[in-house]
PDB file of all heavy atoms in Angstrom:
ATOM      1  N   LEU A   1      40.210  57.968  87.928  1.00  0.00           N
ATOM      2  CA  LEU A   1      39.762  59.352  88.028  1.00  0.00           C
ATOM      3  C   LEU A   1      40.690  60.282  87.260  1.00  0.00           C
ATOM      4  O   LEU A   1      40.228  61.174  86.542  1.00  0.00           O
ATOM      5  CB  LEU A   1      39.668  59.769  89.497  1.00  0.00           C
ATOM      6  CG  LEU A   1      39.198  61.203  89.742  1.00  0.00           C
ATOM      7  CD1 LEU A   1      37.797  61.416  89.189  1.00  0.00           C
ATOM      8  CD2 LEU A   1      39.239  61.524  91.229  1.00  0.00           C
ATOM      9  N   ILE A   2      41.981  60.073  87.364  1.00  0.00           N
ATOM     10  CA  ILE A   2      42.954  60.912  86.650  1.00  0.00           C
ATOM     11  C   ILE A   2      42.789  60.747  85.141  1.00  0.00           C
ATOM     12  O   ILE A   2      42.767  61.734  84.397  1.00  0.00           O
ATOM     13  CB  ILE A   2      44.393  60.577  87.099  1.00  0.00           C
ATOM     14  CG1 ILE A   2      44.595  60.991  88.559  1.00  0.00           C
ATOM     15  CG2 ILE A   2      45.415  61.269  86.201  1.00  0.00           C
ATOM     16  CD1 ILE A   2      45.885  60.526  89.169  1.00  0.00           C
ATOM     17  N   VAL A   3      42.649  59.514  84.675  1.00  0.00           N
ATOM     18  CA  VAL A   3      42.458  59.267  83.246  1.00  0.00           C
ATOM     19  C   VAL A   3      41.140  59.896  82.780  1.00  0.00           C
ATOM     20  O   VAL A   3      41.071  60.540  81.736  1.00  0.00           O
ATOM     21  CB  VAL A   3      42.483  57.751  82.943  1.00  0.00           C
ATOM     22  CG1 VAL A   3      42.054  57.479  81.514  1.00  0.00           C
ATOM     23  CG2 VAL A   3      43.873  57.196  83.207  1.00  0.00           C
ATOM     24  N   PHE A   4      40.087  59.735  83.568  1.00  0.00           N
ATOM     25  CA  PHE A   4      38.797  60.297  83.210  1.00  0.00           C
ATOM     26  C   PHE A   4      38.871  61.823  83.110  1.00  0.00           C
ATOM     27  O   PHE A   4      38.376  62.413  82.145  1.00  0.00           O
ATOM     28  CB  PHE A   4      37.734  59.880  84.234  1.00  0.00           C
ATOM     29  CG  PHE A   4      36.389  60.468  83.964  1.00  0.00           C
ATOM     30  CD1 PHE A   4      35.572  59.954  82.962  1.00  0.00           C
ATOM     31  CD2 PHE A   4      35.944  61.562  84.675  1.00  0.00           C
ATOM     32  CE1 PHE A   4      34.345  60.502  82.696  1.00  0.00           C
ATOM     33  CE2 PHE A   4      34.710  62.124  84.413  1.00  0.00           C
ATOM     34  CZ  PHE A   4      33.896  61.596  83.424  1.00  0.00           C
ATOM     35  N   VAL A   5      39.478  62.466  84.074  1.00  0.00           N
ATOM     36  CA  VAL A   5      39.613  63.933  84.061  1.00  0.00           C
ATOM     37  C   VAL A   5      40.461  64.376  82.872  1.00  0.00           C
ATOM     38  O   VAL A   5      40.136  65.362  82.196  1.00  0.00           O
ATOM     39  CB  VAL A   5      40.200  64.437  85.402  1.00  0.00           C
ATOM     40  CG1 VAL A   5      40.557  65.904  85.320  1.00  0.00           C
ATOM     41  CG2 VAL A   5      39.209  64.197  86.525  1.00  0.00           C
ATOM     42  N   ALA A   6      41.530  63.646  82.561  1.00  0.00           N
ATOM     43  CA  ALA A   6      42.379  63.995  81.424  1.00  0.00           C
ATOM     44  C   ALA A   6      41.607  63.880  80.106  1.00  0.00           C
ATOM     45  O   ALA A   6      41.672  64.769  79.248  1.00  0.00           O
ATOM     46  CB  ALA A   6      43.616  63.111  81.393  1.00  0.00           C
ATOM     47  N   LEU A   7      40.841  62.792  79.944  1.00  0.00           N
ATOM     48  CA  LEU A   7      40.043  62.633  78.725  1.00  0.00           C
ATOM     49  C   LEU A   7      38.949  63.695  78.632  1.00  0.00           C
ATOM     50  O   LEU A   7      38.663  64.214  77.551  1.00  0.00           O
ATOM     51  CB  LEU A   7      39.427  61.233  78.675  1.00  0.00           C
ATOM     52  CG  LEU A   7      40.405  60.096  78.413  1.00  0.00           C
ATOM     53  CD1 LEU A   7      39.693  58.752  78.523  1.00  0.00           C
ATOM     54  CD2 LEU A   7      41.047  60.242  77.048  1.00  0.00           C
ATOM     55  N   PHE A   8      38.363  64.045  79.746  1.00  0.00           N
ATOM     56  CA  PHE A   8      37.338  65.077  79.767  1.00  0.00           C
ATOM     57  C   PHE A   8      37.934  66.421  79.354  1.00  0.00           C
ATOM     58  O   PHE A   8      37.337  67.168  78.573  1.00  0.00           O
ATOM     59  CB  PHE A   8      36.721  65.154  81.175  1.00  0.00           C
ATOM     60  CG  PHE A   8      35.584  66.117  81.268  1.00  0.00           C
ATOM     61  CD1 PHE A   8      34.347  65.805  80.715  1.00  0.00           C
ATOM     62  CD2 PHE A   8      35.739  67.335  81.903  1.00  0.00           C
ATOM     63  CE1 PHE A   8      33.289  66.690  80.789  1.00  0.00           C
ATOM     64  CE2 PHE A   8      34.691  68.224  81.980  1.00  0.00           C
ATOM     65  CZ  PHE A   8      33.457  67.912  81.431  1.00  0.00           C
ATOM     66  N   ALA A   9      39.123  66.732  79.843  1.00  0.00           N
ATOM     67  CA  ALA A   9      39.788  67.987  79.485  1.00  0.00           C
ATOM     68  C   ALA A   9      40.130  68.022  77.997  1.00  0.00           C
ATOM     69  O   ALA A   9      39.966  69.053  77.336  1.00  0.00           O
ATOM     70  CB  ALA A   9      41.056  68.169  80.321  1.00  0.00           C
ATOM     71  N   VAL A  10      40.585  66.907  77.455  1.00  0.00           N
ATOM     72  CA  VAL A  10      40.896  66.846  76.018  1.00  0.00           C
ATOM     73  C   VAL A  10      39.627  67.044  75.207  1.00  0.00           C
ATOM     74  O   VAL A  10      39.615  67.763  74.199  1.00  0.00           O
ATOM     75  CB  VAL A  10      41.571  65.505  75.673  1.00  0.00           C
ATOM     76  CG1 VAL A  10      41.652  65.297  74.165  1.00  0.00           C
ATOM     77  CG2 VAL A  10      42.956  65.445  76.289  1.00  0.00           C
ATOM     78  N   ALA A  11      38.535  66.437  75.629  1.00  0.00           N
ATOM     79  CA  ALA A  11      37.265  66.587  74.909  1.00  0.00           C
ATOM     80  C   ALA A  11      36.785  68.035  74.927  1.00  0.00           C
ATOM     81  O   ALA A  11      36.281  68.545  73.929  1.00  0.00           O
ATOM     82  CB  ALA A  11      36.212  65.670  75.510  1.00  0.00           C
ATOM     83  N   LEU A  12      36.952  68.712  76.028  1.00  0.00           N
ATOM     84  CA  LEU A  12      36.549  70.117  76.106  1.00  0.00           C
ATOM     85  C   LEU A  12      37.446  71.013  75.256  1.00  0.00           C
ATOM     86  O   LEU A  12      36.995  72.008  74.708  1.00  0.00           O
ATOM     87  CB  LEU A  12      36.573  70.607  77.550  1.00  0.00           C
ATOM     88  CG  LEU A  12      35.423  70.169  78.434  1.00  0.00           C
ATOM     89  CD1 LEU A  12      35.611  70.712  79.839  1.00  0.00           C
ATOM     90  CD2 LEU A  12      34.092  70.623  77.868  1.00  0.00           C
ATOM     91  N   ALA A  13      38.714  70.670  75.149  1.00  0.00           N
ATOM     92  CA  ALA A  13      39.661  71.494  74.399  1.00  0.00           C
ATOM     93  C   ALA A  13      39.545  71.296  72.892  1.00  0.00           C
ATOM     94  O   ALA A  13      39.977  72.143  72.121  1.00  0.00           O
ATOM     95  CB  ALA A  13      41.088  71.184  74.846  1.00  0.00           C
ATOM     96  N   ALA A  14      38.948  70.207  72.458  1.00  0.00           N
ATOM     97  CA  ALA A  14      38.823  69.935  71.017  1.00  0.00           C
ATOM     98  C   ALA A  14      37.924  70.984  70.380  1.00  0.00           C
ATOM     99  O   ALA A  14      36.913  71.377  70.954  1.00  0.00           O
ATOM    100  CB  ALA A  14      38.249  68.537  70.795  1.00  0.00           C
ATOM    101  N   PRO A  15      38.284  71.441  69.181  1.00  0.00           N
ATOM    102  CA  PRO A  15      37.442  72.448  68.523  1.00  0.00           C
ATOM    103  C   PRO A  15      36.087  71.861  68.139  1.00  0.00           C
ATOM    104  O   PRO A  15      35.995  70.726  67.690  1.00  0.00           O
ATOM    105  CB  PRO A  15      38.244  72.823  67.273  1.00  0.00           C
ATOM    106  CG  PRO A  15      39.165  71.681  67.041  1.00  0.00           C
ATOM    107  CD  PRO A  15      39.428  71.066  68.390  1.00  0.00           C
ATOM    108  N   ALA A  16      35.073  72.645  68.347  1.00  0.00           N
ATOM    109  CA  ALA A  16      33.722  72.194  68.002  1.00  0.00           C
ATOM    110  C   ALA A  16      33.468  72.471  66.522  1.00  0.00           C
ATOM    111  O   ALA A  16      33.895  73.481  65.989  1.00  0.00           O
ATOM    112  CB  ALA A  16      32.703  72.943  68.856  1.00  0.00           C
ATOM    113  N   ASP A  17      32.799  71.551  65.868  1.00  0.00           N
ATOM    114  CA  ASP A  17      32.418  71.748  64.473  1.00  0.00           C
ATOM    115  C   ASP A  17      31.161  72.616  64.454  1.00  0.00           C
ATOM    116  O   ASP A  17      30.063  72.123  64.633  1.00  0.00           O
ATOM    117  CB  ASP A  17      32.154  70.419  63.771  1.00  0.00           C
ATOM    118  CG  ASP A  17      33.419  69.628  63.566  1.00  0.00           C
ATOM    119  OD1 ASP A  17      34.491  70.240  63.445  1.00  0.00           O
ATOM    120  OD2 ASP A  17      33.331  68.400  63.524  1.00  0.00           O
ATOM    121  N   GLN A  18      31.373  73.909  64.289  1.00  0.00           N
ATOM    122  CA  GLN A  18      30.254  74.831  64.284  1.00  0.00           C
ATOM    123  C   GLN A  18      29.936  75.242  62.857  1.00  0.00           C
ATOM    124  O   GLN A  18      30.818  75.355  62.020  1.00  0.00           O
ATOM    125  CB  GLN A  18      30.580  76.072  65.109  1.00  0.00           C
ATOM    126  CG  GLN A  18      30.799  75.779  66.569  1.00  0.00           C
ATOM    127  CD  GLN A  18      31.139  77.042  67.343  1.00  0.00           C
ATOM    128  OE1 GLN A  18      31.337  78.094  66.767  1.00  0.00           O
ATOM    129  NE2 GLN A  18      31.204  76.925  68.646  1.00  0.00           N
ATOM    130  N   GLU A  19      28.698  75.477  62.603  1.00  0.00           N
ATOM    131  CA  GLU A  19      28.270  75.969  61.311  1.00  0.00           C
ATOM    132  C   GLU A  19      28.628  77.451  61.229  1.00  0.00           C
ATOM    133  O   GLU A  19      28.504  78.193  62.194  1.00  0.00           O
ATOM    134  CB  GLU A  19      26.754  75.805  61.165  1.00  0.00           C
ATOM    135  CG  GLU A  19      26.289  74.390  61.275  1.00  0.00           C
ATOM    136  CD  GLU A  19      26.022  73.773  59.914  1.00  0.00           C
ATOM    137  OE1 GLU A  19      25.830  74.522  58.954  1.00  0.00           O
ATOM    138  OE2 GLU A  19      26.003  72.545  59.845  1.00  0.00           O
ATOM    139  N   ALA A  20      29.083  77.877  60.069  1.00  0.00           N
ATOM    140  CA  ALA A  20      29.389  79.290  59.868  1.00  0.00           C
ATOM    141  C   ALA A  20      28.087  80.072  59.793  1.00  0.00           C
ATOM    142  O   ALA A  20      27.075  79.597  59.278  1.00  0.00           O
ATOM    143  CB  ALA A  20      30.186  79.470  58.594  1.00  0.00           C
ATOM    144  N   GLU A  21      28.124  81.273  60.326  1.00  0.00           N
ATOM    145  CA  GLU A  21      26.964  82.149  60.278  1.00  0.00           C
ATOM    146  C   GLU A  21      27.252  83.303  59.330  1.00  0.00           C
ATOM    147  O   GLU A  21      28.385  83.781  59.242  1.00  0.00           O
ATOM    148  CB  GLU A  21      26.650  82.691  61.665  1.00  0.00           C
ATOM    149  CG  GLU A  21      26.226  81.616  62.650  1.00  0.00           C
ATOM    150  CD  GLU A  21      25.917  82.186  64.026  1.00  0.00           C
ATOM    151  OE1 GLU A  21      25.771  83.419  64.153  1.00  0.00           O
ATOM    152  OE2 GLU A  21      25.821  81.389  64.960  1.00  0.00           O
ATOM    153  N   ILE A  22      26.244  83.752  58.642  1.00  0.00           N
ATOM    154  CA  ILE A  22      26.386  84.911  57.760  1.00  0.00           C
ATOM    155  C   ILE A  22      26.374  86.157  58.626  1.00  0.00           C
ATOM    156  O   ILE A  22      25.443  86.377  59.397  1.00  0.00           O
ATOM    157  CB  ILE A  22      25.253  84.950  56.724  1.00  0.00           C
ATOM    158  CG1 ILE A  22      25.333  83.718  55.828  1.00  0.00           C
ATOM    159  CG2 ILE A  22      25.320  86.226  55.902  1.00  0.00           C
ATOM    160  CD1 ILE A  22      24.163  83.550  54.893  1.00  0.00           C
ATOM    161  N   VAL A  23      27.419  86.974  58.502  1.00  0.00           N
ATOM    162  CA  VAL A  23      27.499  88.191  59.293  1.00  0.00           C
ATOM    163  C   VAL A  23      27.243  89.437  58.446  1.00  0.00           C
ATOM    164  O   VAL A  23      26.876  90.478  58.977  1.00  0.00           O
ATOM    165  CB  VAL A  23      28.837  88.302  60.048  1.00  0.00           C
ATOM    166  CG1 VAL A  23      28.951  87.211  61.099  1.00  0.00           C
ATOM    167  CG2 VAL A  23      30.019  88.243  59.112  1.00  0.00           C
ATOM    168  N   VAL A  24      27.443  89.343  57.141  1.00  0.00           N
ATOM    169  CA  VAL A  24      27.126  90.436  56.214  1.00  0.00           C
ATOM    170  C   VAL A  24      26.496  89.830  54.973  1.00  0.00           C
ATOM    171  O   VAL A  24      27.000  88.844  54.442  1.00  0.00           O
ATOM    172  CB  VAL A  24      28.397  91.231  55.804  1.00  0.00           C
ATOM    173  CG1 VAL A  24      28.086  92.252  54.729  1.00  0.00           C
ATOM    174  CG2 VAL A  24      29.040  91.902  57.001  1.00  0.00           C
ATOM    175  N   LEU A  25      25.398  90.414  54.524  1.00  0.00           N
ATOM    176  CA  LEU A  25      24.758  89.976  53.295  1.00  0.00           C
ATOM    177  C   LEU A  25      24.079  91.186  52.659  1.00  0.00           C
ATOM    178  O   LEU A  25      23.105  91.711  53.187  1.00  0.00           O
ATOM    179  CB  LEU A  25      23.731  88.884  53.565  1.00  0.00           C
ATOM    180  CG  LEU A  25      22.991  88.329  52.347  1.00  0.00           C
ATOM    181  CD1 LEU A  25      23.970  87.760  51.323  1.00  0.00           C
ATOM    182  CD2 LEU A  25      21.990  87.273  52.765  1.00  0.00           C
ATOM    183  N   LYS A  26      24.651  91.650  51.551  1.00  0.00           N
ATOM    184  CA  LYS A  26      24.121  92.816  50.852  1.00  0.00           C
ATOM    185  C   LYS A  26      24.021  92.480  49.379  1.00  0.00           C
ATOM    186  O   LYS A  26      24.888  91.804  48.837  1.00  0.00           O
ATOM    187  CB  LYS A  26      25.053  94.019  51.006  1.00  0.00           C
ATOM    188  CG  LYS A  26      25.289  94.469  52.422  1.00  0.00           C
ATOM    189  CD  LYS A  26      26.290  95.611  52.453  1.00  0.00           C
ATOM    190  CE  LYS A  26      26.653  96.002  53.867  1.00  0.00           C
ATOM    191  NZ  LYS A  26      27.674  97.051  53.891  1.00  0.00           N
ATOM    192  N   SER A  27      22.989  92.971  48.738  1.00  0.00           N
ATOM    193  CA  SER A  27      22.886  92.792  47.291  1.00  0.00           C
ATOM    194  C   SER A  27      22.025  93.896  46.695  1.00  0.00           C
ATOM    195  O   SER A  27      21.112  94.413  47.342  1.00  0.00           O
ATOM    196  CB  SER A  27      22.316  91.430  46.939  1.00  0.00           C
ATOM    197  OG  SER A  27      20.968  91.339  47.342  1.00  0.00           O
ATOM    198  N   ASP A  28      22.344  94.221  45.462  1.00  0.00           N
ATOM    199  CA  ASP A  28      21.593  95.209  44.702  1.00  0.00           C
ATOM    200  C   ASP A  28      21.601  94.722  43.259  1.00  0.00           C
ATOM    201  O   ASP A  28      22.657  94.676  42.631  1.00  0.00           O
ATOM    202  CB  ASP A  28      22.243  96.584  44.834  1.00  0.00           C
ATOM    203  CG  ASP A  28      21.481  97.657  44.083  1.00  0.00           C
ATOM    204  OD1 ASP A  28      20.284  97.467  43.803  1.00  0.00           O
ATOM    205  OD2 ASP A  28      22.090  98.697  43.759  1.00  0.00           O
ATOM    206  N   VAL A  29      20.448  94.344  42.767  1.00  0.00           N
ATOM    207  CA  VAL A  29      20.351  93.782  41.420  1.00  0.00           C
ATOM    208  C   VAL A  29      19.441  94.670  40.583  1.00  0.00           C
ATOM    209  O   VAL A  29      18.310  94.948  40.966  1.00  0.00           O
ATOM    210  CB  VAL A  29      19.798  92.344  41.453  1.00  0.00           C
ATOM    211  CG1 VAL A  29      19.679  91.783  40.048  1.00  0.00           C
ATOM    212  CG2 VAL A  29      20.665  91.460  42.317  1.00  0.00           C
ATOM    213  N   GLY A  30      19.973  95.119  39.457  1.00  0.00           N
ATOM    214  CA  GLY A  30      19.198  95.930  38.534  1.00  0.00           C
ATOM    215  C   GLY A  30      19.130  95.262  37.181  1.00  0.00           C
ATOM    216  O   GLY A  30      19.715  94.191  36.970  1.00  0.00           O
ATOM    217  N   PRO A  31      18.439  95.868  36.235  1.00  0.00           N
ATOM    218  CA  PRO A  31      18.300  95.251  34.916  1.00  0.00           C
ATOM    219  C   PRO A  31      19.614  95.181  34.126  1.00  0.00           C
ATOM    220  O   PRO A  31      19.767  94.303  33.277  1.00  0.00           O
ATOM    221  CB  PRO A  31      17.274  96.133  34.203  1.00  0.00           C
ATOM    222  CG  PRO A  31      17.188  97.378  34.999  1.00  0.00           C
ATOM    223  CD  PRO A  31      17.674  97.089  36.362  1.00  0.00           C
ATOM    224  N   GLU A  32      20.547  96.090  34.412  1.00  0.00           N
ATOM    225  CA  GLU A  32      21.799  96.099  33.652  1.00  0.00           C
ATOM    226  C   GLU A  32      23.040  96.061  34.535  1.00  0.00           C
ATOM    227  O   GLU A  32      24.154  96.265  34.051  1.00  0.00           O
ATOM    228  CB  GLU A  32      21.836  97.322  32.736  1.00  0.00           C
ATOM    229  CG  GLU A  32      20.747  97.276  31.680  1.00  0.00           C
ATOM    230  CD  GLU A  32      20.691  98.525  30.821  1.00  0.00           C
ATOM    231  OE1 GLU A  32      21.551  99.400  30.974  1.00  0.00           O
ATOM    232  OE2 GLU A  32      19.794  98.601  29.976  1.00  0.00           O
ATOM    233  N   SER A  33      22.846  95.802  35.829  1.00  0.00           N
ATOM    234  CA  SER A  33      23.998  95.742  36.733  1.00  0.00           C
ATOM    235  C   SER A  33      23.615  94.994  38.010  1.00  0.00           C
ATOM    236  O   SER A  33      22.447  94.783  38.295  1.00  0.00           O
ATOM    237  CB  SER A  33      24.477  97.152  37.091  1.00  0.00           C
ATOM    238  OG  SER A  33      23.488  97.824  37.828  1.00  0.00           O
ATOM    239  N   PHE A  34      24.634  94.604  38.762  1.00  0.00           N
ATOM    240  CA  PHE A  34      24.409  93.982  40.069  1.00  0.00           C
ATOM    241  C   PHE A  34      25.615  94.251  40.949  1.00  0.00           C
ATOM    242  O   PHE A  34      26.700  94.594  40.482  1.00  0.00           O
ATOM    243  CB  PHE A  34      24.172  92.471  39.945  1.00  0.00           C
ATOM    244  CG  PHE A  34      25.419  91.686  39.608  1.00  0.00           C
ATOM    245  CD1 PHE A  34      26.247  91.214  40.609  1.00  0.00           C
ATOM    246  CD2 PHE A  34      25.764  91.435  38.295  1.00  0.00           C
ATOM    247  CE1 PHE A  34      27.398  90.494  40.310  1.00  0.00           C
ATOM    248  CE2 PHE A  34      26.905  90.724  37.974  1.00  0.00           C
ATOM    249  CZ  PHE A  34      27.725  90.252  38.986  1.00  0.00           C
ATOM    250  N   LYS A  35      25.392  94.102  42.233  1.00  0.00           N
ATOM    251  CA  LYS A  35      26.467  94.234  43.214  1.00  0.00           C
ATOM    252  C   LYS A  35      26.068  93.399  44.417  1.00  0.00           C
ATOM    253  O   LYS A  35      24.907  93.402  44.821  1.00  0.00           O
ATOM    254  CB  LYS A  35      26.631  95.697  43.612  1.00  0.00           C
ATOM    255  CG  LYS A  35      27.777  95.962  44.547  1.00  0.00           C
ATOM    256  CD  LYS A  35      27.948  97.459  44.778  1.00  0.00           C
ATOM    257  CE  LYS A  35      29.194  97.697  45.598  1.00  0.00           C
ATOM    258  NZ  LYS A  35      29.461  99.128  45.756  1.00  0.00           N
ATOM    259  N   TYR A  36      27.024  92.628  44.971  1.00  0.00           N
ATOM    260  CA  TYR A  36      26.738  91.863  46.177  1.00  0.00           C
ATOM    261  C   TYR A  36      27.976  91.764  47.053  1.00  0.00           C
ATOM    262  O   TYR A  36      29.101  91.952  46.601  1.00  0.00           O
ATOM    263  CB  TYR A  36      26.190  90.471  45.860  1.00  0.00           C
ATOM    264  CG  TYR A  36      27.206  89.500  45.303  1.00  0.00           C
ATOM    265  CD1 TYR A  36      28.076  88.805  46.129  1.00  0.00           C
ATOM    266  CD2 TYR A  36      27.286  89.259  43.931  1.00  0.00           C
ATOM    267  CE1 TYR A  36      29.001  87.913  45.629  1.00  0.00           C
ATOM    268  CE2 TYR A  36      28.197  88.362  43.419  1.00  0.00           C
ATOM    269  CZ  TYR A  36      29.052  87.696  44.267  1.00  0.00           C
ATOM    270  OH  TYR A  36      29.969  86.813  43.757  1.00  0.00           O
ATOM    271  N   GLU A  37      27.738  91.445  48.300  1.00  0.00           N
ATOM    272  CA  GLU A  37      28.811  91.222  49.277  1.00  0.00           C
ATOM    273  C   GLU A  37      28.265  90.295  50.342  1.00  0.00           C
ATOM    274  O   GLU A  37      27.129  90.434  50.777  1.00  0.00           O
ATOM    275  CB  GLU A  37      29.228  92.550  49.917  1.00  0.00           C
ATOM    276  CG  GLU A  37      30.204  92.399  51.052  1.00  0.00           C
ATOM    277  CD  GLU A  37      30.494  93.712  51.771  1.00  0.00           C
ATOM    278  OE1 GLU A  37      29.784  94.705  51.554  1.00  0.00           O
ATOM    279  OE2 GLU A  37      31.438  93.710  52.572  1.00  0.00           O
ATOM    280  N   TRP A  38      29.084  89.328  50.765  1.00  0.00           N
ATOM    281  CA  TRP A  38      28.733  88.501  51.910  1.00  0.00           C
ATOM    282  C   TRP A  38      29.985  88.123  52.678  1.00  0.00           C
ATOM    283  O   TRP A  38      31.073  88.062  52.121  1.00  0.00           O
ATOM    284  CB  TRP A  38      27.921  87.265  51.529  1.00  0.00           C
ATOM    285  CG  TRP A  38      28.546  86.302  50.561  1.00  0.00           C
ATOM    286  CD1 TRP A  38      28.309  86.235  49.227  1.00  0.00           C
ATOM    287  CD2 TRP A  38      29.497  85.274  50.840  1.00  0.00           C
ATOM    288  NE1 TRP A  38      29.056  85.232  48.665  1.00  0.00           N
ATOM    289  CE2 TRP A  38      29.788  84.618  49.637  1.00  0.00           C
ATOM    290  CE3 TRP A  38      30.138  84.832  51.999  1.00  0.00           C
ATOM    291  CZ2 TRP A  38      30.692  83.562  49.550  1.00  0.00           C
ATOM    292  CZ3 TRP A  38      31.031  83.774  51.913  1.00  0.00           C
ATOM    293  CH2 TRP A  38      31.288  83.151  50.705  1.00  0.00           C
ATOM    294  N   LYS A  39      29.809  87.929  53.971  1.00  0.00           N
ATOM    295  CA  LYS A  39      30.895  87.487  54.854  1.00  0.00           C
ATOM    296  C   LYS A  39      30.300  86.513  55.854  1.00  0.00           C
ATOM    297  O   LYS A  39      29.155  86.655  56.262  1.00  0.00           O
ATOM    298  CB  LYS A  39      31.507  88.665  55.611  1.00  0.00           C
ATOM    299  CG  LYS A  39      32.205  89.659  54.723  1.00  0.00           C
ATOM    300  CD  LYS A  39      32.778  90.812  55.512  1.00  0.00           C
ATOM    301  CE  LYS A  39      33.409  91.824  54.551  1.00  0.00           C
ATOM    302  NZ  LYS A  39      33.909  92.996  55.252  1.00  0.00           N
ATOM    303  N   THR A  40      31.117  85.531  56.246  1.00  0.00           N
ATOM    304  CA  THR A  40      30.671  84.564  57.240  1.00  0.00           C
ATOM    305  C   THR A  40      31.567  84.627  58.469  1.00  0.00           C
ATOM    306  O   THR A  40      32.671  85.171  58.428  1.00  0.00           O
ATOM    307  CB  THR A  40      30.672  83.130  56.678  1.00  0.00           C
ATOM    308  OG1 THR A  40      32.002  82.782  56.308  1.00  0.00           O
ATOM    309  CG2 THR A  40      29.742  83.010  55.483  1.00  0.00           C
ATOM    310  N   SER A  41      31.088  84.028  59.536  1.00  0.00           N
ATOM    311  CA  SER A  41      31.814  84.062  60.803  1.00  0.00           C
ATOM    312  C   SER A  41      33.101  83.248  60.785  1.00  0.00           C
ATOM    313  O   SER A  41      33.951  83.414  61.658  1.00  0.00           O
ATOM    314  CB  SER A  41      30.907  83.557  61.929  1.00  0.00           C
ATOM    315  OG  SER A  41      30.482  82.232  61.661  1.00  0.00           O
ATOM    316  N   ASP A  42      33.275  82.378  59.784  1.00  0.00           N
ATOM    317  CA  ASP A  42      34.491  81.569  59.725  1.00  0.00           C
ATOM    318  C   ASP A  42      35.563  82.148  58.792  1.00  0.00           C
ATOM    319  O   ASP A  42      36.519  81.470  58.452  1.00  0.00           O
ATOM    320  CB  ASP A  42      34.160  80.131  59.332  1.00  0.00           C
ATOM    321  CG  ASP A  42      33.585  80.016  57.931  1.00  0.00           C
ATOM    322  OD1 ASP A  42      33.343  81.046  57.281  1.00  0.00           O
ATOM    323  OD2 ASP A  42      33.371  78.874  57.490  1.00  0.00           O
TER     324      ASP A  42
END
């Protein structure tokens, strides 16, 4: 039981491999210019 609880605690503490999410996405494209910005949660 002690070993099981210890392994369970280690598994919970391990960082999860999460996909990054886009939090900002802006763009402006014209015939002679462009501007963009993006940011992700990671």
